[in-house]
Amino acid sequence: MGDESRARESIPEFEALGIEAFTTTRAAGTFGLAGTDPVGEVMARWTALLAQSGASGICVAPQVHGTTVLAHARPWDGILRTPPADGHATLERGIALSVTLADCAPVFLAHPSGAIALVHSGWRGTEAKIVHQAIRVLGRAGLSPDELYVHIGPAICGRCYEVSADVRARLTGETSNRPGNVDIRSLIAEQAAGAGVSRISVSASCTRCDNGTFFSHRAGDTGRQLAVIVAKQ
C-alpha cells in the first residue's frame, strides 16, 4: 500500500480509545471490484490491509444506499462478504468494519468500551438518517449516545455537491424549485447531535476538491477508497 502517511487519512481522536480508524486514499489504490483494476490486484490490497490492521477479519457488503446496519457478534478469519447493507457494528475487538466510497460520507462511531460502527451515507442514507440506525444498534447493547464519538470522514463538500431541486428539498426540508448545493456532512453532524451525540468531528477533506488525493464519482473516477475501523485487541 506504499507510504502509510500518504495512503490513508486517520482519525487521531479515536486512538486514545484503542481504536484505529481511517479512510484510504488514491495512494493505496482502489478497493472497489467494479473498477478497471484487475480483481486479483484489488483483492491483494484487501489482504494486505487486513494483515496490517491486526484484525482477525474484515467485513464488506454490497452497498445499496439503504439503512441496514449489520451487527457482528463473533470474530471470523479473513474477508467476509455480507448480504447487502450500508453499515456494520460490533462490540468485539479485533473485527474490522469497512465501507467503500467515492463522494458519499463514511461515518465512524466509537465507544470507550471498544464498541464500534461504520456507515456509508450518501444523500439517500442521509435522508433516511442511517447514522440514527447505527446509534440504535449500539444502543441495544446499553451504550448511550452521549458516550459515543462520531467522526465524518472524507466526502464531497457542500461547495462541490449540487443536487436536483427534489433532492435538495428532501434533504433540507425546505421548499426548492431549482438545483442547489447541499453539505451532506453538516446534515449528518446535525443528525448525530440531535440523537444525543456531543463528540462530533468532521474531516476537512473533500473528495472532489482534493481529487488528486481521493477518488470522486463526480469527477468521473471508477476507483473507490475504503473506510475502516477496528478496536485493537
Protein backbone atom coordinates (compact mmCIF):
# COMPACT_ATOMS: atom_id res chain seq x y z
CA MET A 1 0.00 0.00 0.00
CA GLY A 2 3.02 2.28 -0.08
CA ASP A 3 3.78 5.07 2.39
CA GLU A 4 1.09 4.78 5.08
CA SER A 5 1.02 8.54 5.73
CA ARG A 6 0.02 9.09 2.08
CA ALA A 7 -2.17 6.00 1.79
CA ARG A 8 -4.73 6.92 4.45
CA GLU A 9 -6.38 9.73 6.40
CA SER A 10 -6.53 8.61 10.03
CA ILE A 11 -8.68 9.77 12.95
CA PRO A 12 -6.38 10.77 15.85
CA GLU A 13 -9.35 11.36 18.20
CA PHE A 14 -10.07 7.60 18.24
CA GLU A 15 -6.51 6.48 19.03
CA ALA A 16 -6.84 7.19 22.77
CA LEU A 17 -9.74 4.71 22.81
CA GLY A 18 -7.56 1.94 21.37
CA ILE A 19 -9.46 2.20 18.10
CA GLU A 20 -7.86 2.53 14.67
CA ALA A 21 -9.98 4.29 12.06
CA PHE A 22 -9.06 5.69 8.68
CA THR A 23 -10.04 6.26 5.05
CA THR A 24 -7.66 5.15 2.32
CA THR A 25 -6.50 7.49 -0.46
CA ARG A 26 -5.53 7.12 -4.12
CA ALA A 27 -2.03 6.22 -2.96
CA ALA A 28 -3.43 2.98 -1.55
CA GLY A 29 -5.17 2.10 -4.83
CA THR A 30 -8.82 1.29 -5.41
CA PHE A 31 -10.69 -1.17 -3.20
CA GLY A 32 -13.74 -1.38 -5.46
CA LEU A 33 -14.31 -4.53 -7.51
CA ALA A 34 -16.29 -2.78 -10.25
CA GLY A 35 -13.47 -0.57 -11.50
CA THR A 36 -10.86 -1.13 -14.17
CA ASP A 37 -8.14 -2.65 -11.95
CA PRO A 38 -7.76 -6.46 -12.19
CA VAL A 39 -9.70 -8.23 -9.43
CA GLY A 40 -6.56 -10.05 -8.31
CA GLU A 41 -4.77 -6.76 -7.67
CA VAL A 42 -7.73 -5.33 -5.77
CA MET A 43 -8.07 -8.41 -3.57
CA ALA A 44 -4.33 -8.32 -2.86
CA ARG A 45 -4.88 -4.81 -1.44
CA TRP A 46 -7.67 -6.13 0.78
CA THR A 47 -5.47 -8.96 2.03
CA ALA A 48 -2.55 -6.63 2.74
CA LEU A 49 -4.77 -4.13 4.55
CA LEU A 50 -6.24 -6.89 6.73
CA ALA A 51 -2.76 -8.13 7.64
CA GLN A 52 -1.63 -4.60 8.54
CA SER A 53 -4.73 -3.97 10.67
CA GLY A 54 -4.02 -6.83 13.06
CA ALA A 55 -7.70 -7.81 12.90
CA SER A 56 -8.78 -11.43 12.54
CA GLY A 57 -11.27 -10.49 9.84
CA ILE A 58 -12.77 -7.63 7.87
CA CYS A 59 -16.31 -7.33 6.51
CA VAL A 60 -17.64 -5.69 3.38
CA ALA A 61 -21.15 -5.56 1.94
CA PRO A 62 -22.75 -4.72 -1.40
CA GLN A 63 -23.93 -1.16 -0.69
CA VAL A 64 -27.44 -0.22 -1.78
CA HIS A 65 -27.95 3.28 -0.28
CA GLY A 66 -30.30 1.88 2.34
CA THR A 67 -30.35 1.93 6.16
CA THR A 68 -29.39 -1.64 7.07
CA VAL A 69 -26.64 -1.80 9.69
CA LEU A 70 -25.44 -5.35 10.35
CA ALA A 71 -24.37 -6.31 13.89
CA HIS A 72 -21.43 -8.72 14.04
CA ALA A 73 -21.24 -10.75 17.25
CA ARG A 74 -18.49 -13.28 16.56
CA PRO A 75 -14.99 -12.93 15.12
CA TRP A 76 -14.04 -14.68 11.88
CA ASP A 77 -10.88 -15.13 9.86
CA GLY A 78 -10.35 -13.36 6.54
CA ILE A 79 -12.62 -11.24 4.35
CA LEU A 80 -16.35 -11.64 4.96
CA ARG A 81 -18.73 -10.51 2.21
CA THR A 82 -22.12 -9.99 3.83
CA PRO A 83 -25.64 -9.55 2.40
CA PRO A 84 -26.44 -6.02 1.12
CA ALA A 85 -26.06 -3.35 3.80
CA ASP A 86 -24.74 0.18 4.26
CA GLY A 87 -23.29 -0.20 7.71
CA HIS A 88 -21.74 -2.52 10.26
CA ALA A 89 -21.40 -2.59 14.04
CA THR A 90 -19.71 -4.81 16.61
CA LEU A 91 -18.97 -4.93 20.32
CA GLU A 92 -15.98 -7.21 19.70
CA ARG A 93 -12.37 -6.12 19.48
CA GLY A 94 -10.33 -7.43 16.58
CA ILE A 95 -13.08 -7.21 13.96
CA ALA A 96 -12.51 -4.67 11.18
CA LEU A 97 -15.55 -2.98 9.67
CA SER A 98 -15.40 -1.33 6.25
CA VAL A 99 -17.39 0.57 3.63
CA THR A 100 -16.33 1.71 0.14
CA LEU A 101 -16.74 5.31 -1.01
CA ALA A 102 -16.15 7.85 -3.75
CA ASP A 103 -18.05 11.01 -2.62
CA CYS A 104 -20.50 9.58 -0.06
CA ALA A 105 -19.60 10.10 3.59
CA PRO A 106 -18.08 7.47 5.85
CA VAL A 107 -19.45 7.89 9.38
CA PHE A 108 -17.33 6.33 12.13
CA LEU A 109 -18.81 5.67 15.58
CA ALA A 110 -16.75 4.59 18.60
CA HIS A 111 -17.33 3.92 22.30
CA PRO A 112 -14.66 3.80 25.02
CA SER A 113 -15.54 0.13 25.60
CA GLY A 114 -14.29 -0.73 22.12
CA ALA A 115 -17.74 -0.99 20.55
CA ILE A 116 -17.69 0.46 17.03
CA ALA A 117 -19.87 1.10 13.99
CA LEU A 118 -19.31 2.42 10.48
CA VAL A 119 -21.86 3.52 7.90
CA HIS A 120 -21.90 4.70 4.29
CA SER A 121 -24.11 7.79 3.97
CA GLY A 122 -24.86 9.31 0.58
CA TRP A 123 -27.83 11.57 0.06
CA ARG A 124 -30.30 8.68 0.37
CA GLY A 125 -28.69 7.37 3.54
CA THR A 126 -28.56 10.88 4.93
CA GLU A 127 -32.21 11.50 4.10
CA ALA A 128 -33.09 8.23 5.87
CA LYS A 129 -30.79 9.09 8.81
CA ILE A 130 -28.68 5.93 8.68
CA VAL A 131 -26.49 7.39 11.43
CA HIS A 132 -29.51 7.11 13.75
CA GLN A 133 -29.77 3.42 12.88
CA ALA A 134 -26.11 2.87 13.82
CA ILE A 135 -26.69 4.70 17.11
CA ARG A 136 -29.75 2.49 17.77
CA VAL A 137 -27.78 -0.71 17.07
CA LEU A 138 -25.14 0.31 19.62
CA GLY A 139 -27.90 1.47 21.97
CA ARG A 140 -29.33 -2.06 22.11
CA ALA A 141 -26.14 -3.02 23.94
CA GLY A 142 -26.78 -0.31 26.52
CA LEU A 143 -24.43 2.26 25.01
CA SER A 144 -25.75 5.79 25.41
CA PRO A 145 -25.40 8.30 22.52
CA ASP A 146 -23.71 10.79 24.85
CA GLU A 147 -20.89 8.27 25.36
CA LEU A 148 -20.18 7.92 21.64
CA TYR A 149 -17.57 9.57 19.46
CA VAL A 150 -18.60 10.27 15.86
CA HIS A 151 -16.31 11.25 13.01
CA ILE A 152 -17.47 12.04 9.47
CA GLY A 153 -14.69 11.29 7.03
CA PRO A 154 -13.62 12.48 3.56
CA ALA A 155 -16.62 13.14 1.29
CA ILE A 156 -17.80 15.64 -1.28
CA CYS A 157 -18.18 19.09 0.28
CA GLY A 158 -21.12 21.47 0.12
CA ARG A 159 -19.40 23.71 -2.42
CA CYS A 160 -19.00 20.80 -4.84
CA TYR A 161 -22.20 18.85 -4.24
CA GLU A 162 -25.01 20.22 -6.39
CA VAL A 163 -28.25 18.23 -6.36
CA SER A 164 -31.65 18.48 -8.03
CA ALA A 165 -34.41 20.63 -6.59
CA ASP A 166 -36.24 17.48 -5.43
CA VAL A 167 -33.23 16.04 -3.62
CA ARG A 168 -32.40 19.42 -2.11
CA ALA A 169 -35.94 19.74 -0.74
CA ARG A 170 -35.90 16.18 0.61
CA LEU A 171 -32.61 16.73 2.41
CA THR A 172 -33.22 20.19 3.83
CA GLY A 173 -36.97 20.03 4.35
CA GLU A 174 -37.23 23.39 2.64
CA THR A 175 -39.25 24.12 -0.49
CA SER A 176 -36.97 24.29 -3.51
CA ASN A 177 -37.70 24.85 -7.20
CA ARG A 178 -34.15 24.77 -8.54
CA PRO A 179 -30.96 22.72 -8.15
CA GLY A 180 -28.61 23.80 -5.40
CA ASN A 181 -25.73 22.78 -3.19
CA VAL A 182 -26.04 20.66 -0.06
CA ASP A 183 -23.47 19.91 2.64
CA ILE A 184 -24.13 16.25 3.40
CA ARG A 185 -21.62 16.09 6.25
CA SER A 186 -23.16 19.07 8.01
CA LEU A 187 -26.56 17.36 7.86
CA ILE A 188 -25.13 14.12 9.25
CA ALA A 189 -23.44 16.02 12.09
CA GLU A 190 -26.76 17.70 12.92
CA GLN A 191 -28.49 14.30 12.92
CA ALA A 192 -25.88 12.82 15.27
CA ALA A 193 -26.15 15.82 17.59
CA GLY A 194 -29.93 15.55 17.52
CA ALA A 195 -29.63 11.92 18.63
CA GLY A 196 -27.61 12.96 21.67
CA VAL A 197 -24.01 12.68 20.46
CA SER A 198 -21.81 15.55 21.64
CA ARG A 199 -18.35 14.42 20.47
CA ILE A 200 -18.52 15.01 16.71
CA SER A 201 -15.65 15.76 14.35
CA VAL A 202 -15.59 16.24 10.58
CA SER A 203 -12.76 15.73 8.09
CA ALA A 204 -11.61 18.82 6.23
CA SER A 205 -11.03 16.75 3.07
CA CYS A 206 -13.35 16.93 0.06
CA THR A 207 -13.17 14.06 -2.41
CA ARG A 208 -13.93 16.42 -5.33
CA CYS A 209 -11.74 19.40 -4.30
CA ASP A 210 -8.94 17.02 -3.32
CA ASN A 211 -9.40 14.76 -6.33
CA GLY A 212 -5.65 14.29 -6.60
CA THR A 213 -5.78 12.57 -3.22
CA PHE A 214 -9.19 10.85 -3.25
CA PHE A 215 -11.38 9.09 -5.81
CA SER A 216 -14.52 11.05 -6.72
CA HIS A 217 -17.55 9.72 -8.57
CA ARG A 218 -18.49 13.28 -9.55
CA ALA A 219 -15.02 13.66 -11.11
CA GLY A 220 -15.60 10.53 -13.21
CA ASP A 221 -13.45 8.12 -11.19
CA THR A 222 -14.30 4.41 -11.07
CA GLY A 223 -11.95 3.79 -8.13
CA ARG A 224 -13.16 3.53 -4.55
CA GLN A 225 -11.47 4.34 -1.27
CA LEU A 226 -12.09 2.22 1.81
CA ALA A 227 -13.12 3.42 5.26
CA VAL A 228 -12.04 1.06 8.04
CA ILE A 229 -12.48 0.92 11.81
CA VAL A 230 -11.20 -1.71 14.25
CA ALA A 231 -10.89 -1.81 18.03
CA LYS A 232 -7.45 -3.21 18.79
CA GLN A 233 -7.25 -6.34 20.94
